[in-house]
């Protein structure tokens, strides 16, 4: 996953992330509002998800520290999972 931004003077451009679908193997760029990030107590419960624009399947992938930094820095909505 990588992040791409476009700078336009006087304007805030949407943050785009490059992503791929493991089902249809499509590759595309999605805006930050297309992603959801769930941060759990361990690496097993920390993941991001999106819907593939090509095949419309729900995609869920693990998110390590670097991915979490990229997504949160890009404004992706985050859900913190609590154990209890």
C-alpha atoms as a PDB file:
ATOM      1  CA  UNK A   1       0.000   0.000   0.000  1.00  0.00           C
ATOM      2  CA  UNK A   2       1.251   3.453  -0.856  1.00  0.00           C
ATOM      3  CA  UNK A   3      -0.153   6.919  -0.429  1.00  0.00           C
ATOM      4  CA  UNK A   4      -0.269   9.591  -3.125  1.00  0.00           C
ATOM      5  CA  UNK A   5      -1.270  13.213  -2.665  1.00  0.00           C
ATOM      6  CA  UNK A   6      -1.660  16.067  -5.076  1.00  0.00           C
ATOM      7  CA  UNK A   7      -0.916  19.586  -3.915  1.00  0.00           C
ATOM      8  CA  UNK A   8      -3.017  22.395  -5.329  1.00  0.00           C
ATOM      9  CA  UNK A   9      -2.310  25.887  -3.958  1.00  0.00           C
ATOM     10  CA  UNK A  10      -5.124  27.064  -1.699  1.00  0.00           C
ATOM     11  CA  UNK A  11      -6.898  23.726  -1.843  1.00  0.00           C
ATOM     12  CA  UNK A  12      -6.775  20.512   0.099  1.00  0.00           C
ATOM     13  CA  UNK A  13      -6.611  17.576  -2.292  1.00  0.00           C
ATOM     14  CA  UNK A  14      -7.988  14.187  -1.311  1.00  0.00           C
ATOM     15  CA  UNK A  15      -5.463  11.609  -0.226  1.00  0.00           C
ATOM     16  CA  UNK A  16      -5.333   8.610  -2.535  1.00  0.00           C
ATOM     17  CA  UNK A  17      -4.013   5.164  -1.661  1.00  0.00           C
ATOM     18  CA  UNK A  18      -2.882   2.540  -4.133  1.00  0.00           C
ATOM     19  CA  UNK A  19      -4.503  -0.802  -3.377  1.00  0.00           C
ATOM     20  CA  UNK A  20      -5.109  -4.193  -4.959  1.00  0.00           C
ATOM     21  CA  UNK A  21      -7.830  -6.811  -4.768  1.00  0.00           C
ATOM     22  CA  UNK A  22      -6.711 -10.369  -4.014  1.00  0.00           C
ATOM     23  CA  UNK A  23      -9.864 -11.799  -5.649  1.00  0.00           C
ATOM     24  CA  UNK A  24      -9.943 -10.165  -9.091  1.00  0.00           C
ATOM     25  CA  UNK A  25      -6.338  -8.888  -8.965  1.00  0.00           C
ATOM     26  CA  UNK A  26      -7.486  -5.397  -9.866  1.00  0.00           C
ATOM     27  CA  UNK A  27      -5.161  -2.489  -9.027  1.00  0.00           C
ATOM     28  CA  UNK A  28      -6.529   0.973  -8.376  1.00  0.00           C
ATOM     29  CA  UNK A  29      -6.347   4.157  -6.323  1.00  0.00           C
ATOM     30  CA  UNK A  30      -8.950   4.848  -3.651  1.00  0.00           C
ATOM     31  CA  UNK A  31      -9.647   7.950  -1.595  1.00  0.00           C
ATOM     32  CA  UNK A  32      -9.227   7.802   2.171  1.00  0.00           C
ATOM     33  CA  UNK A  33     -12.994   7.670   2.720  1.00  0.00           C
ATOM     34  CA  UNK A  34     -13.131   4.289   0.931  1.00  0.00           C
ATOM     35  CA  UNK A  35     -11.103   2.626   3.703  1.00  0.00           C
ATOM     36  CA  UNK A  36     -11.815   1.575   7.279  1.00  0.00           C
ATOM     37  CA  UNK A  37      -9.056   0.855   9.766  1.00  0.00           C
ATOM     38  CA  UNK A  38      -9.564  -1.286  12.866  1.00  0.00           C
ATOM     39  CA  UNK A  39      -6.844  -1.163  15.504  1.00  0.00           C
ATOM     40  CA  UNK A  40      -6.892  -4.034  17.963  1.00  0.00           C
ATOM     41  CA  UNK A  41      -4.735  -5.205  20.824  1.00  0.00           C
ATOM     42  CA  UNK A  42      -2.526  -7.327  18.542  1.00  0.00           C
ATOM     43  CA  UNK A  43      -1.403  -7.649  14.945  1.00  0.00           C
ATOM     44  CA  UNK A  44      -4.102 -10.298  14.450  1.00  0.00           C
ATOM     45  CA  UNK A  45      -6.834  -7.802  15.284  1.00  0.00           C
ATOM     46  CA  UNK A  46      -5.430  -4.798  13.410  1.00  0.00           C
ATOM     47  CA  UNK A  47      -6.586  -4.575   9.793  1.00  0.00           C
ATOM     48  CA  UNK A  48      -7.940  -2.311   7.083  1.00  0.00           C
ATOM     49  CA  UNK A  49     -10.805  -2.944   4.722  1.00  0.00           C
ATOM     50  CA  UNK A  50     -12.330  -1.567   1.538  1.00  0.00           C
ATOM     51  CA  UNK A  51     -14.684  -2.632  -1.239  1.00  0.00           C
ATOM     52  CA  UNK A  52     -13.043  -3.471  -4.546  1.00  0.00           C
ATOM     53  CA  UNK A  53     -14.350  -1.047  -7.188  1.00  0.00           C
ATOM     54  CA  UNK A  54     -13.919  -3.692  -9.909  1.00  0.00           C
ATOM     55  CA  UNK A  55     -15.555  -6.837  -8.465  1.00  0.00           C
ATOM     56  CA  UNK A  56     -17.398  -5.199  -5.501  1.00  0.00           C
ATOM     57  CA  UNK A  57     -16.049  -7.743  -2.991  1.00  0.00           C
ATOM     58  CA  UNK A  58     -15.168  -6.759   0.540  1.00  0.00           C
ATOM     59  CA  UNK A  59     -11.403  -6.867   1.056  1.00  0.00           C
ATOM     60  CA  UNK A  60      -9.764  -7.157   4.466  1.00  0.00           C
ATOM     61  CA  UNK A  61      -5.988  -7.032   4.915  1.00  0.00           C
ATOM     62  CA  UNK A  62      -3.699  -6.999   7.950  1.00  0.00           C
ATOM     63  CA  UNK A  63      -2.236  -3.613   8.885  1.00  0.00           C
ATOM     64  CA  UNK A  64       1.226  -3.405  10.367  1.00  0.00           C
ATOM     65  CA  UNK A  65       2.632  -0.297  12.027  1.00  0.00           C
ATOM     66  CA  UNK A  66       3.630   1.401   8.754  1.00  0.00           C
ATOM     67  CA  UNK A  67       0.206   0.829   7.165  1.00  0.00           C
ATOM     68  CA  UNK A  68      -1.507   2.166  10.290  1.00  0.00           C
ATOM     69  CA  UNK A  69       0.701   5.299  10.093  1.00  0.00           C
ATOM     70  CA  UNK A  70      -0.091   5.829   6.404  1.00  0.00           C
ATOM     71  CA  UNK A  71      -3.831   5.336   6.802  1.00  0.00           C
ATOM     72  CA  UNK A  72      -4.251   7.447   9.940  1.00  0.00           C
ATOM     73  CA  UNK A  73      -2.031  10.163   8.464  1.00  0.00           C
ATOM     74  CA  UNK A  74      -4.199  10.139   5.349  1.00  0.00           C
ATOM     75  CA  UNK A  75      -7.421  10.644   7.275  1.00  0.00           C
ATOM     76  CA  UNK A  76      -8.869   7.119   7.135  1.00  0.00           C
ATOM     77  CA  UNK A  77     -11.647   6.541   9.656  1.00  0.00           C
ATOM     78  CA  UNK A  78     -10.347   4.437  12.511  1.00  0.00           C
ATOM     79  CA  UNK A  79     -12.087   2.138  14.950  1.00  0.00           C
ATOM     80  CA  UNK A  80     -10.189   1.165  18.096  1.00  0.00           C
ATOM     81  CA  UNK A  81     -11.142  -2.308  19.250  1.00  0.00           C
ATOM     82  CA  UNK A  82     -11.146  -2.855  23.013  1.00  0.00           C
ATOM     83  CA  UNK A  83     -10.905  -6.116  24.873  1.00  0.00           C
ATOM     84  CA  UNK A  84     -12.970  -6.383  27.900  1.00  0.00           C
END
